[in-house]
N, C-alpha and C. Protein backbone atom coordinates (compact mmCIF):
# COMPACT_ATOMS: atom_id res chain seq x y z
N MET A 1 -10.60 57.88 72.48
CA MET A 1 -9.75 57.09 71.61
C MET A 1 -9.13 55.92 72.36
N SER A 2 -8.83 56.06 73.62
CA SER A 2 -8.13 54.99 74.34
C SER A 2 -8.95 53.71 74.41
N LYS A 3 -10.28 53.79 74.18
CA LYS A 3 -11.10 52.58 74.21
C LYS A 3 -10.71 51.60 73.10
N ASN A 4 -10.32 52.13 71.95
CA ASN A 4 -9.97 51.28 70.81
C ASN A 4 -8.49 50.91 70.78
N VAL A 5 -7.74 51.38 71.73
CA VAL A 5 -6.30 51.19 71.73
C VAL A 5 -5.93 49.86 72.38
N GLN A 6 -5.07 49.13 71.72
CA GLN A 6 -4.53 47.87 72.25
C GLN A 6 -3.10 48.13 72.70
N ILE A 7 -2.72 47.59 73.85
CA ILE A 7 -1.33 47.65 74.29
C ILE A 7 -0.74 46.28 74.00
N ARG A 8 0.38 46.26 73.30
CA ARG A 8 1.01 44.98 72.97
C ARG A 8 2.52 45.14 72.95
N ALA A 9 3.21 44.02 73.09
CA ALA A 9 4.67 44.03 73.00
C ALA A 9 5.07 44.38 71.57
N ALA A 10 6.13 45.16 71.45
CA ALA A 10 6.65 45.54 70.14
C ALA A 10 7.41 44.37 69.52
N THR A 11 7.42 44.32 68.19
CA THR A 11 8.22 43.36 67.45
C THR A 11 9.21 44.13 66.59
N LEU A 12 10.22 43.46 66.08
CA LEU A 12 11.21 44.13 65.23
C LEU A 12 10.56 44.77 64.01
N GLU A 13 9.46 44.20 63.54
CA GLU A 13 8.76 44.78 62.38
C GLU A 13 8.15 46.14 62.70
N ASP A 14 8.01 46.46 63.98
CA ASP A 14 7.42 47.74 64.40
C ASP A 14 8.45 48.87 64.49
N ALA A 15 9.73 48.58 64.34
CA ALA A 15 10.78 49.57 64.62
C ALA A 15 10.61 50.86 63.83
N GLU A 16 10.30 50.79 62.56
CA GLU A 16 10.13 52.00 61.75
C GLU A 16 8.96 52.83 62.26
N SER A 17 7.85 52.18 62.59
CA SER A 17 6.67 52.90 63.09
C SER A 17 6.94 53.51 64.47
N ILE A 18 7.70 52.83 65.30
CA ILE A 18 8.07 53.38 66.61
C ILE A 18 8.91 54.63 66.41
N PHE A 19 9.89 54.54 65.51
CA PHE A 19 10.74 55.70 65.19
C PHE A 19 9.89 56.88 64.73
N GLN A 20 8.93 56.63 63.85
CA GLN A 20 8.07 57.72 63.33
C GLN A 20 7.20 58.31 64.44
N ALA A 21 6.68 57.45 65.33
CA ALA A 21 5.86 57.95 66.44
C ALA A 21 6.71 58.81 67.40
N HIS A 22 7.94 58.37 67.66
CA HIS A 22 8.85 59.11 68.54
C HIS A 22 9.11 60.50 67.95
N ARG A 23 9.48 60.53 66.68
CA ARG A 23 9.77 61.79 65.99
C ARG A 23 8.54 62.71 66.02
N ASN A 24 7.37 62.16 65.68
CA ASN A 24 6.15 62.96 65.65
C ASN A 24 5.85 63.53 67.03
N SER A 25 6.03 62.74 68.07
CA SER A 25 5.76 63.19 69.43
C SER A 25 6.63 64.39 69.80
N VAL A 26 7.92 64.23 69.60
CA VAL A 26 8.86 65.30 69.96
C VAL A 26 8.60 66.56 69.14
N GLU A 27 8.41 66.39 67.83
CA GLU A 27 8.25 67.55 66.95
C GLU A 27 6.90 68.24 67.13
N SER A 28 5.88 67.51 67.58
CA SER A 28 4.57 68.15 67.69
C SER A 28 4.18 68.54 69.11
N LEU A 29 4.75 67.89 70.12
CA LEU A 29 4.33 68.18 71.50
C LEU A 29 5.33 68.97 72.32
N CYS A 30 6.59 69.01 71.92
CA CYS A 30 7.63 69.58 72.79
C CYS A 30 8.12 70.96 72.36
N THR A 31 7.56 71.52 71.30
CA THR A 31 8.07 72.79 70.78
C THR A 31 7.79 73.98 71.69
N ALA A 32 6.84 73.87 72.60
CA ALA A 32 6.58 74.98 73.53
C ALA A 32 7.64 75.05 74.62
N ASP A 33 8.31 73.92 74.90
CA ASP A 33 9.27 73.87 75.98
C ASP A 33 10.73 73.82 75.53
N TYR A 34 10.95 73.46 74.25
CA TYR A 34 12.32 73.31 73.75
C TYR A 34 12.44 73.99 72.39
N SER A 35 13.64 74.51 72.12
CA SER A 35 13.90 75.21 70.86
C SER A 35 14.06 74.22 69.71
N ALA A 36 14.00 74.73 68.49
CA ALA A 36 14.21 73.90 67.29
C ALA A 36 15.59 73.24 67.35
N GLU A 37 16.59 73.97 67.84
CA GLU A 37 17.95 73.44 67.96
C GLU A 37 17.98 72.27 68.97
N GLN A 38 17.28 72.43 70.08
CA GLN A 38 17.23 71.36 71.08
C GLN A 38 16.50 70.12 70.53
N ILE A 39 15.42 70.33 69.81
CA ILE A 39 14.67 69.20 69.24
C ILE A 39 15.51 68.48 68.19
N ALA A 40 16.24 69.24 67.37
CA ALA A 40 17.10 68.62 66.35
C ALA A 40 18.17 67.74 67.03
N MET A 41 18.79 68.24 68.11
CA MET A 41 19.79 67.45 68.83
C MET A 41 19.17 66.20 69.41
N TRP A 42 17.97 66.33 69.99
CA TRP A 42 17.26 65.24 70.63
C TRP A 42 17.05 64.08 69.65
N LEU A 43 16.68 64.42 68.42
CA LEU A 43 16.36 63.40 67.42
C LEU A 43 17.56 62.96 66.60
N ASP A 44 18.65 63.71 66.66
CA ASP A 44 19.83 63.41 65.87
C ASP A 44 20.36 62.01 66.17
N GLY A 45 20.64 61.27 65.13
CA GLY A 45 21.24 59.95 65.30
C GLY A 45 20.26 58.84 65.62
N ARG A 46 18.99 59.17 65.81
CA ARG A 46 18.00 58.12 66.07
C ARG A 46 17.58 57.49 64.75
N SER A 47 17.25 56.23 64.82
CA SER A 47 16.78 55.49 63.64
C SER A 47 15.93 54.34 64.15
N PRO A 48 15.30 53.59 63.26
CA PRO A 48 14.55 52.42 63.72
C PRO A 48 15.44 51.45 64.52
N GLN A 49 16.73 51.42 64.26
CA GLN A 49 17.65 50.54 64.99
C GLN A 49 17.77 50.92 66.47
N THR A 50 17.46 52.18 66.79
CA THR A 50 17.55 52.68 68.17
C THR A 50 16.75 51.81 69.14
N TYR A 51 15.67 51.22 68.67
CA TYR A 51 14.71 50.52 69.53
C TYR A 51 14.93 49.01 69.55
N ARG A 52 15.85 48.52 68.73
CA ARG A 52 16.05 47.09 68.53
C ARG A 52 16.35 46.33 69.83
N GLU A 53 17.27 46.82 70.62
CA GLU A 53 17.66 46.13 71.85
C GLU A 53 16.49 46.01 72.83
N ALA A 54 15.75 47.09 73.01
CA ALA A 54 14.60 47.06 73.93
C ALA A 54 13.51 46.11 73.41
N ILE A 55 13.29 46.11 72.10
CA ILE A 55 12.29 45.21 71.53
C ILE A 55 12.71 43.76 71.76
N MET A 56 13.94 43.46 71.44
CA MET A 56 14.43 42.08 71.57
C MET A 56 14.46 41.64 73.04
N GLY A 57 14.63 42.58 73.96
CA GLY A 57 14.64 42.27 75.38
C GLY A 57 13.25 42.19 76.00
N GLY A 58 12.23 42.46 75.19
CA GLY A 58 10.86 42.43 75.71
C GLY A 58 10.53 43.59 76.62
N ASN A 59 11.17 44.73 76.38
CA ASN A 59 11.03 45.89 77.25
C ASN A 59 10.36 47.10 76.60
N LEU A 60 9.68 46.87 75.46
CA LEU A 60 9.04 47.98 74.76
C LEU A 60 7.64 47.55 74.34
N TRP A 61 6.65 48.39 74.68
CA TRP A 61 5.25 48.11 74.37
C TRP A 61 4.66 49.26 73.58
N LEU A 62 3.67 48.92 72.76
CA LEU A 62 3.02 49.88 71.87
C LEU A 62 1.57 50.10 72.25
N ALA A 63 1.09 51.29 71.93
CA ALA A 63 -0.34 51.58 71.95
C ALA A 63 -0.73 51.67 70.49
N GLN A 64 -1.67 50.81 70.08
CA GLN A 64 -2.01 50.72 68.67
C GLN A 64 -3.51 50.72 68.49
N ASN A 65 -3.98 51.45 67.49
CA ASN A 65 -5.34 51.28 66.98
C ASN A 65 -5.18 51.17 65.47
N ASP A 66 -5.46 52.21 64.69
CA ASP A 66 -5.25 52.13 63.24
C ASP A 66 -3.76 52.10 62.92
N GLY A 67 -2.96 52.61 63.80
CA GLY A 67 -1.50 52.63 63.66
C GLY A 67 -0.91 52.76 65.05
N ILE A 68 0.39 52.87 65.12
CA ILE A 68 1.05 53.02 66.41
C ILE A 68 0.87 54.46 66.89
N GLN A 69 0.23 54.60 68.06
CA GLN A 69 -0.06 55.91 68.63
C GLN A 69 0.97 56.35 69.66
N GLY A 70 1.75 55.39 70.17
CA GLY A 70 2.76 55.72 71.16
C GLY A 70 3.44 54.45 71.62
N PHE A 71 4.43 54.64 72.49
CA PHE A 71 5.18 53.50 73.01
C PHE A 71 5.79 53.84 74.35
N VAL A 72 6.14 52.79 75.08
CA VAL A 72 6.82 52.94 76.36
C VAL A 72 7.92 51.89 76.44
N GLU A 73 9.04 52.30 77.01
CA GLU A 73 10.18 51.40 77.19
C GLU A 73 10.59 51.42 78.66
N VAL A 74 10.92 50.24 79.17
CA VAL A 74 11.35 50.09 80.55
C VAL A 74 12.78 49.57 80.56
N ASP A 75 13.59 50.10 81.48
CA ASP A 75 14.96 49.62 81.67
C ASP A 75 15.16 49.46 83.18
N GLY A 76 15.05 48.21 83.65
CA GLY A 76 15.14 47.98 85.10
C GLY A 76 13.95 48.62 85.80
N HIS A 77 14.22 49.54 86.73
CA HIS A 77 13.13 50.22 87.44
C HIS A 77 12.82 51.59 86.81
N GLU A 78 13.39 51.85 85.63
CA GLU A 78 13.20 53.15 84.98
C GLU A 78 12.23 53.07 83.80
N VAL A 79 11.31 54.02 83.75
CA VAL A 79 10.51 54.24 82.55
C VAL A 79 11.42 55.09 81.67
N SER A 80 12.12 54.46 80.72
CA SER A 80 13.16 55.17 79.98
C SER A 80 12.63 55.96 78.78
N LYS A 81 11.49 55.55 78.23
CA LYS A 81 10.87 56.31 77.14
C LYS A 81 9.36 56.13 77.23
N LEU A 82 8.63 57.23 77.02
CA LEU A 82 7.19 57.17 76.85
C LEU A 82 6.83 58.33 75.94
N PHE A 83 6.41 58.01 74.73
CA PHE A 83 6.10 59.03 73.74
C PHE A 83 4.77 58.71 73.06
N ILE A 84 3.97 59.75 72.83
CA ILE A 84 2.66 59.66 72.19
C ILE A 84 2.66 60.56 70.97
N ARG A 85 2.10 60.08 69.87
CA ARG A 85 1.93 60.95 68.69
C ARG A 85 1.13 62.19 69.10
N GLY A 86 1.40 63.30 68.47
CA GLY A 86 0.69 64.53 68.78
C GLY A 86 -0.81 64.37 68.69
N SER A 87 -1.29 63.64 67.68
CA SER A 87 -2.73 63.45 67.49
C SER A 87 -3.35 62.57 68.57
N GLY A 88 -2.53 61.84 69.31
CA GLY A 88 -3.05 60.95 70.36
C GLY A 88 -2.94 61.52 71.76
N ALA A 89 -2.39 62.71 71.88
CA ALA A 89 -2.20 63.30 73.20
C ALA A 89 -3.53 63.61 73.87
N ARG A 90 -3.55 63.53 75.19
CA ARG A 90 -4.70 63.87 76.03
C ARG A 90 -5.93 62.99 75.74
N GLN A 91 -5.67 61.73 75.40
CA GLN A 91 -6.78 60.81 75.11
C GLN A 91 -6.67 59.53 75.93
N GLY A 92 -5.81 59.52 76.93
CA GLY A 92 -5.69 58.35 77.79
C GLY A 92 -4.65 57.34 77.35
N ILE A 93 -4.02 57.57 76.23
CA ILE A 93 -3.03 56.62 75.71
C ILE A 93 -1.78 56.61 76.60
N GLY A 94 -1.32 57.78 77.01
CA GLY A 94 -0.15 57.86 77.88
C GLY A 94 -0.40 57.13 79.20
N ARG A 95 -1.60 57.26 79.74
CA ARG A 95 -1.96 56.57 80.98
C ARG A 95 -1.88 55.05 80.79
N LEU A 96 -2.42 54.55 79.69
CA LEU A 96 -2.38 53.10 79.43
C LEU A 96 -0.94 52.61 79.32
N LEU A 97 -0.10 53.35 78.63
CA LEU A 97 1.30 52.95 78.48
C LEU A 97 2.04 53.02 79.81
N LEU A 98 1.80 54.08 80.58
CA LEU A 98 2.46 54.21 81.88
C LEU A 98 2.03 53.07 82.81
N GLU A 99 0.74 52.73 82.81
CA GLU A 99 0.27 51.62 83.64
C GLU A 99 0.96 50.31 83.25
N GLN A 100 1.14 50.09 81.95
CA GLN A 100 1.85 48.89 81.47
C GLN A 100 3.27 48.87 82.01
N ALA A 101 3.96 50.00 81.90
CA ALA A 101 5.35 50.08 82.36
C ALA A 101 5.45 49.85 83.86
N LEU A 102 4.59 50.49 84.64
CA LEU A 102 4.63 50.34 86.09
C LEU A 102 4.32 48.91 86.51
N GLN A 103 3.40 48.26 85.81
CA GLN A 103 3.09 46.86 86.11
C GLN A 103 4.33 45.99 85.87
N LYS A 104 5.03 46.21 84.77
CA LYS A 104 6.22 45.42 84.45
C LYS A 104 7.33 45.67 85.47
N ILE A 105 7.50 46.92 85.89
CA ILE A 105 8.52 47.26 86.89
C ILE A 105 8.18 46.58 88.22
N ARG A 106 6.91 46.62 88.59
CA ARG A 106 6.45 45.98 89.83
C ARG A 106 6.66 44.47 89.75
N GLU A 107 6.30 43.86 88.62
CA GLU A 107 6.46 42.41 88.44
C GLU A 107 7.93 41.98 88.52
N ALA A 108 8.82 42.88 88.16
CA ALA A 108 10.26 42.59 88.22
C ALA A 108 10.80 42.70 89.64
N GLY A 109 9.94 43.08 90.60
CA GLY A 109 10.33 43.11 91.99
C GLY A 109 10.82 44.45 92.52
N HIS A 110 10.67 45.50 91.73
CA HIS A 110 11.12 46.82 92.18
C HIS A 110 10.05 47.49 93.05
N SER A 111 10.48 48.26 94.02
CA SER A 111 9.53 48.96 94.91
C SER A 111 9.34 50.42 94.52
N LYS A 112 10.18 50.91 93.58
CA LYS A 112 10.09 52.29 93.12
C LYS A 112 10.26 52.32 91.61
N ALA A 113 9.65 53.32 90.99
CA ALA A 113 9.85 53.58 89.56
C ALA A 113 10.53 54.94 89.44
N TYR A 114 11.46 55.04 88.51
CA TYR A 114 12.23 56.26 88.28
C TYR A 114 12.04 56.67 86.83
N LEU A 115 12.14 57.97 86.55
CA LEU A 115 12.15 58.45 85.18
C LEU A 115 12.75 59.83 85.11
N GLU A 116 13.13 60.20 83.92
CA GLU A 116 13.63 61.56 83.65
C GLU A 116 12.65 62.18 82.68
N ALA A 117 11.82 63.08 83.19
CA ALA A 117 10.75 63.69 82.41
C ALA A 117 11.24 64.92 81.67
N THR A 118 10.66 65.13 80.51
CA THR A 118 10.87 66.39 79.82
C THR A 118 10.05 67.45 80.55
N LEU A 119 10.35 68.71 80.28
CA LEU A 119 9.55 69.79 80.84
C LEU A 119 8.10 69.62 80.39
N THR A 120 7.92 69.14 79.17
CA THR A 120 6.59 68.95 78.58
C THR A 120 5.78 67.93 79.37
N ALA A 121 6.43 66.89 79.88
CA ALA A 121 5.72 65.76 80.50
C ALA A 121 5.68 65.81 82.03
N GLU A 122 6.32 66.77 82.65
CA GLU A 122 6.41 66.79 84.11
C GLU A 122 5.03 66.72 84.78
N LYS A 123 4.09 67.54 84.35
CA LYS A 123 2.76 67.56 84.97
C LYS A 123 2.02 66.24 84.76
N PHE A 124 2.20 65.62 83.60
CA PHE A 124 1.60 64.32 83.33
C PHE A 124 2.04 63.31 84.39
N TYR A 125 3.34 63.23 84.64
CA TYR A 125 3.85 62.27 85.61
C TYR A 125 3.44 62.62 87.03
N GLN A 126 3.38 63.91 87.37
CA GLN A 126 2.92 64.32 88.70
C GLN A 126 1.51 63.82 88.94
N HIS A 127 0.69 63.88 87.91
CA HIS A 127 -0.71 63.42 88.00
C HIS A 127 -0.78 61.94 88.41
N PHE A 128 0.23 61.16 88.06
CA PHE A 128 0.25 59.73 88.36
C PHE A 128 1.15 59.39 89.55
N GLY A 129 1.41 60.39 90.39
CA GLY A 129 2.08 60.14 91.66
C GLY A 129 3.60 60.25 91.66
N PHE A 130 4.20 60.64 90.54
CA PHE A 130 5.65 60.84 90.53
C PHE A 130 5.96 62.17 91.19
N ARG A 131 7.08 62.22 91.92
CA ARG A 131 7.50 63.47 92.53
C ARG A 131 8.91 63.81 92.08
N LYS A 132 9.17 65.09 92.01
CA LYS A 132 10.47 65.58 91.57
C LYS A 132 11.52 65.28 92.63
N ILE A 133 12.64 64.67 92.21
CA ILE A 133 13.75 64.41 93.14
C ILE A 133 15.03 65.11 92.68
N GLY A 134 14.98 65.78 91.52
CA GLY A 134 16.16 66.49 91.04
C GLY A 134 15.95 67.02 89.64
N GLU A 135 16.98 67.69 89.15
CA GLU A 135 16.97 68.23 87.80
C GLU A 135 18.24 67.79 87.10
N GLY A 136 18.25 67.86 85.80
CA GLY A 136 19.44 67.49 85.05
C GLY A 136 19.34 67.96 83.63
N THR A 137 20.25 67.46 82.81
CA THR A 137 20.24 67.79 81.38
C THR A 137 20.46 66.51 80.58
N PHE A 138 20.02 66.54 79.36
CA PHE A 138 20.17 65.43 78.42
C PHE A 138 20.87 65.99 77.20
N THR A 139 21.85 65.25 76.70
CA THR A 139 22.53 65.63 75.47
C THR A 139 22.90 64.37 74.70
N ARG A 140 23.19 64.51 73.43
CA ARG A 140 23.57 63.37 72.60
C ARG A 140 24.94 63.64 72.00
N GLY A 141 25.79 62.63 72.05
CA GLY A 141 27.11 62.75 71.42
C GLY A 141 27.91 63.91 71.99
N ASN A 142 28.54 64.64 71.10
CA ASN A 142 29.37 65.78 71.51
C ASN A 142 28.65 67.11 71.35
N SER A 143 27.35 67.06 71.20
CA SER A 143 26.59 68.29 70.98
C SER A 143 26.71 69.24 72.17
N PRO A 144 26.89 70.54 71.90
CA PRO A 144 26.89 71.52 72.98
C PRO A 144 25.46 71.86 73.43
N VAL A 145 24.48 71.38 72.70
CA VAL A 145 23.07 71.64 73.00
C VAL A 145 22.59 70.62 74.03
N SER A 146 21.79 71.08 74.99
CA SER A 146 21.23 70.14 75.97
C SER A 146 19.77 70.48 76.25
N LEU A 147 19.06 69.52 76.83
CA LEU A 147 17.66 69.70 77.23
C LEU A 147 17.58 69.64 78.74
N GLU A 148 16.75 70.47 79.32
CA GLU A 148 16.51 70.40 80.75
C GLU A 148 15.55 69.24 80.99
N ILE A 149 15.83 68.44 82.03
CA ILE A 149 14.96 67.34 82.40
C ILE A 149 14.67 67.39 83.89
N ILE A 150 13.61 66.70 84.28
CA ILE A 150 13.21 66.62 85.69
C ILE A 150 13.33 65.15 86.11
N LYS A 151 14.13 64.87 87.14
CA LYS A 151 14.27 63.51 87.65
C LYS A 151 13.13 63.27 88.63
N MET A 152 12.41 62.16 88.43
CA MET A 152 11.22 61.88 89.22
C MET A 152 11.17 60.42 89.65
N GLU A 153 10.45 60.16 90.74
CA GLU A 153 10.24 58.78 91.15
C GLU A 153 8.93 58.67 91.90
N ARG A 154 8.48 57.42 92.03
CA ARG A 154 7.29 57.14 92.85
C ARG A 154 7.40 55.72 93.40
N ALA A 155 6.78 55.52 94.53
CA ALA A 155 6.72 54.18 95.12
C ALA A 155 5.71 53.35 94.35
N LEU A 156 5.93 52.05 94.34
CA LEU A 156 5.01 51.14 93.65
C LEU A 156 4.18 50.36 94.66
């Protein structure tokens, strides 16, 4: 599938599709590692507006063929989001998006890339040279629910 996939900068018109891809990714790929309560907290409060700042800043790219299959967002030297629709997993789309993000981080003059991986994605990032440098948790708002995350980095 990755042969037909185009990587392009996101536009504001893509925000709804990005939101749907994000939701689909979390709900279809992360249920083996996180509970329904954790997934609900993770997605709580997100909307198409969530992606507006990154889109306007030129920091969000899409993988698209017939529709949006996934996206990646960069914040400084951090890969802050990388999500693939469940139907697009294990087809090279994540690799294309990660390569795009690392290229942008490198072009910005950074010598290292950092990210906070979900338990679901840890092995994916290890495959591309990221190493674990710590652990942490992610939560939204005042929720008592949290997700375990793996802090990772790699040299560029």
